[in-house]
Amino acid sequence: MRRETIAVVSMMRSMKILGLNLFRVRRRTNLLRLFEGKDD
């Protein structure tokens, strides 16, 4: 049971980290698009 719970917790943490990274990347791309639009 403990090993399984630890695995689940680690997976949840990794998923959360990945989600945050994706969110940051999206934010960055959105900002870049806005800047490009202003240049045009």
N, C-alpha and C. Protein backbone atom coordinates (compact mmCIF):
# COMPACT_ATOMS: atom_id res chain seq x y z
N MET A 1 0.85 -1.21 0.00
CA MET A 1 0.00 0.00 0.00
C MET A 1 0.88 1.26 0.00
N ARG A 2 1.87 1.28 0.89
CA ARG A 2 2.72 2.48 0.98
C ARG A 2 3.42 2.75 -0.34
N ARG A 3 3.98 1.70 -0.93
CA ARG A 3 4.70 1.90 -2.20
C ARG A 3 3.76 2.46 -3.26
N GLU A 4 2.55 1.93 -3.32
CA GLU A 4 1.58 2.40 -4.32
C GLU A 4 1.25 3.87 -4.08
N THR A 5 1.00 4.22 -2.82
CA THR A 5 0.65 5.61 -2.51
C THR A 5 1.80 6.54 -2.87
N ILE A 6 3.03 6.11 -2.58
CA ILE A 6 4.20 6.93 -2.90
C ILE A 6 4.28 7.14 -4.41
N ALA A 7 4.05 6.07 -5.17
CA ALA A 7 4.09 6.17 -6.64
C ALA A 7 3.04 7.16 -7.13
N VAL A 8 1.84 7.07 -6.58
CA VAL A 8 0.75 7.97 -6.99
C VAL A 8 1.12 9.41 -6.67
N VAL A 9 1.63 9.64 -5.46
CA VAL A 9 2.01 11.00 -5.05
C VAL A 9 3.08 11.55 -5.98
N SER A 10 4.09 10.74 -6.29
CA SER A 10 5.18 11.19 -7.17
C SER A 10 4.63 11.53 -8.55
N MET A 11 3.71 10.69 -9.05
CA MET A 11 3.11 10.94 -10.36
C MET A 11 2.32 12.25 -10.34
N MET A 12 1.56 12.46 -9.26
CA MET A 12 0.77 13.69 -9.14
C MET A 12 1.69 14.90 -9.16
N ARG A 13 2.79 14.80 -8.42
CA ARG A 13 3.74 15.92 -8.37
C ARG A 13 4.32 16.19 -9.75
N SER A 14 4.75 15.14 -10.44
CA SER A 14 5.33 15.31 -11.78
C SER A 14 4.31 15.92 -12.73
N MET A 15 3.06 15.47 -12.65
CA MET A 15 2.00 16.00 -13.52
C MET A 15 1.80 17.49 -13.22
N LYS A 16 1.80 17.83 -11.93
CA LYS A 16 1.60 19.24 -11.53
C LYS A 16 2.73 20.10 -12.09
N ILE A 17 3.98 19.61 -11.97
CA ILE A 17 5.14 20.35 -12.47
C ILE A 17 5.02 20.53 -13.98
N LEU A 18 4.65 19.44 -14.69
CA LEU A 18 4.50 19.52 -16.14
C LEU A 18 3.43 20.54 -16.50
N GLY A 19 2.33 20.52 -15.79
CA GLY A 19 1.23 21.45 -16.06
C GLY A 19 1.69 22.89 -15.89
N LEU A 20 2.45 23.15 -14.82
CA LEU A 20 2.94 24.51 -14.58
C LEU A 20 3.86 24.94 -15.70
N ASN A 21 4.75 24.03 -16.13
CA ASN A 21 5.68 24.35 -17.22
C ASN A 21 4.92 24.68 -18.49
N LEU A 22 3.90 23.86 -18.82
CA LEU A 22 3.10 24.10 -20.02
C LEU A 22 2.41 25.45 -19.93
N PHE A 23 1.86 25.75 -18.75
CA PHE A 23 1.17 27.03 -18.55
C PHE A 23 2.13 28.19 -18.80
N ARG A 24 3.35 28.08 -18.27
CA ARG A 24 4.34 29.15 -18.45
C ARG A 24 4.67 29.31 -19.93
N VAL A 25 4.87 28.19 -20.62
CA VAL A 25 5.22 28.25 -22.05
C VAL A 25 4.09 28.91 -22.83
N ARG A 26 2.85 28.53 -22.54
CA ARG A 26 1.70 29.13 -23.23
C ARG A 26 1.68 30.63 -22.99
N ARG A 27 1.89 31.02 -21.74
CA ARG A 27 1.90 32.44 -21.39
C ARG A 27 2.95 33.17 -22.22
N ARG A 28 4.14 32.59 -22.29
CA ARG A 28 5.25 33.20 -23.04
C ARG A 28 4.88 33.35 -24.51
N THR A 29 4.34 32.29 -25.11
CA THR A 29 3.98 32.33 -26.53
C THR A 29 2.90 33.38 -26.76
N ASN A 30 1.94 33.47 -25.85
CA ASN A 30 0.86 34.46 -25.98
C ASN A 30 1.45 35.86 -25.96
N LEU A 31 2.39 36.11 -25.03
CA LEU A 31 3.01 37.43 -24.94
C LEU A 31 3.78 37.73 -26.22
N LEU A 32 4.51 36.75 -26.74
CA LEU A 32 5.26 36.94 -27.98
C LEU A 32 4.31 37.29 -29.12
N ARG A 33 3.18 36.60 -29.19
CA ARG A 33 2.19 36.86 -30.25
C ARG A 33 1.68 38.29 -30.13
N LEU A 34 1.42 38.73 -28.90
CA LEU A 34 0.93 40.10 -28.69
C LEU A 34 1.97 41.11 -29.19
N PHE A 35 3.24 40.86 -28.85
CA PHE A 35 4.30 41.77 -29.28
C PHE A 35 4.40 41.79 -30.80
N GLU A 36 4.30 40.60 -31.42
CA GLU A 36 4.37 40.51 -32.88
C GLU A 36 3.23 41.30 -33.50
N GLY A 37 2.03 41.16 -32.91
CA GLY A 37 0.86 41.88 -33.41
C GLY A 37 1.09 43.39 -33.34
N LYS A 38 1.69 43.86 -32.24
CA LYS A 38 1.96 45.29 -32.08
C LYS A 38 2.93 45.75 -33.17
N ASP A 39 3.96 44.93 -33.45
CA ASP A 39 4.94 45.29 -34.47
C ASP A 39 4.25 45.46 -35.82
N ASP A 40 3.31 44.56 -36.11
CA ASP A 40 2.60 44.63 -37.40
C ASP A 40 1.76 45.91 -37.40
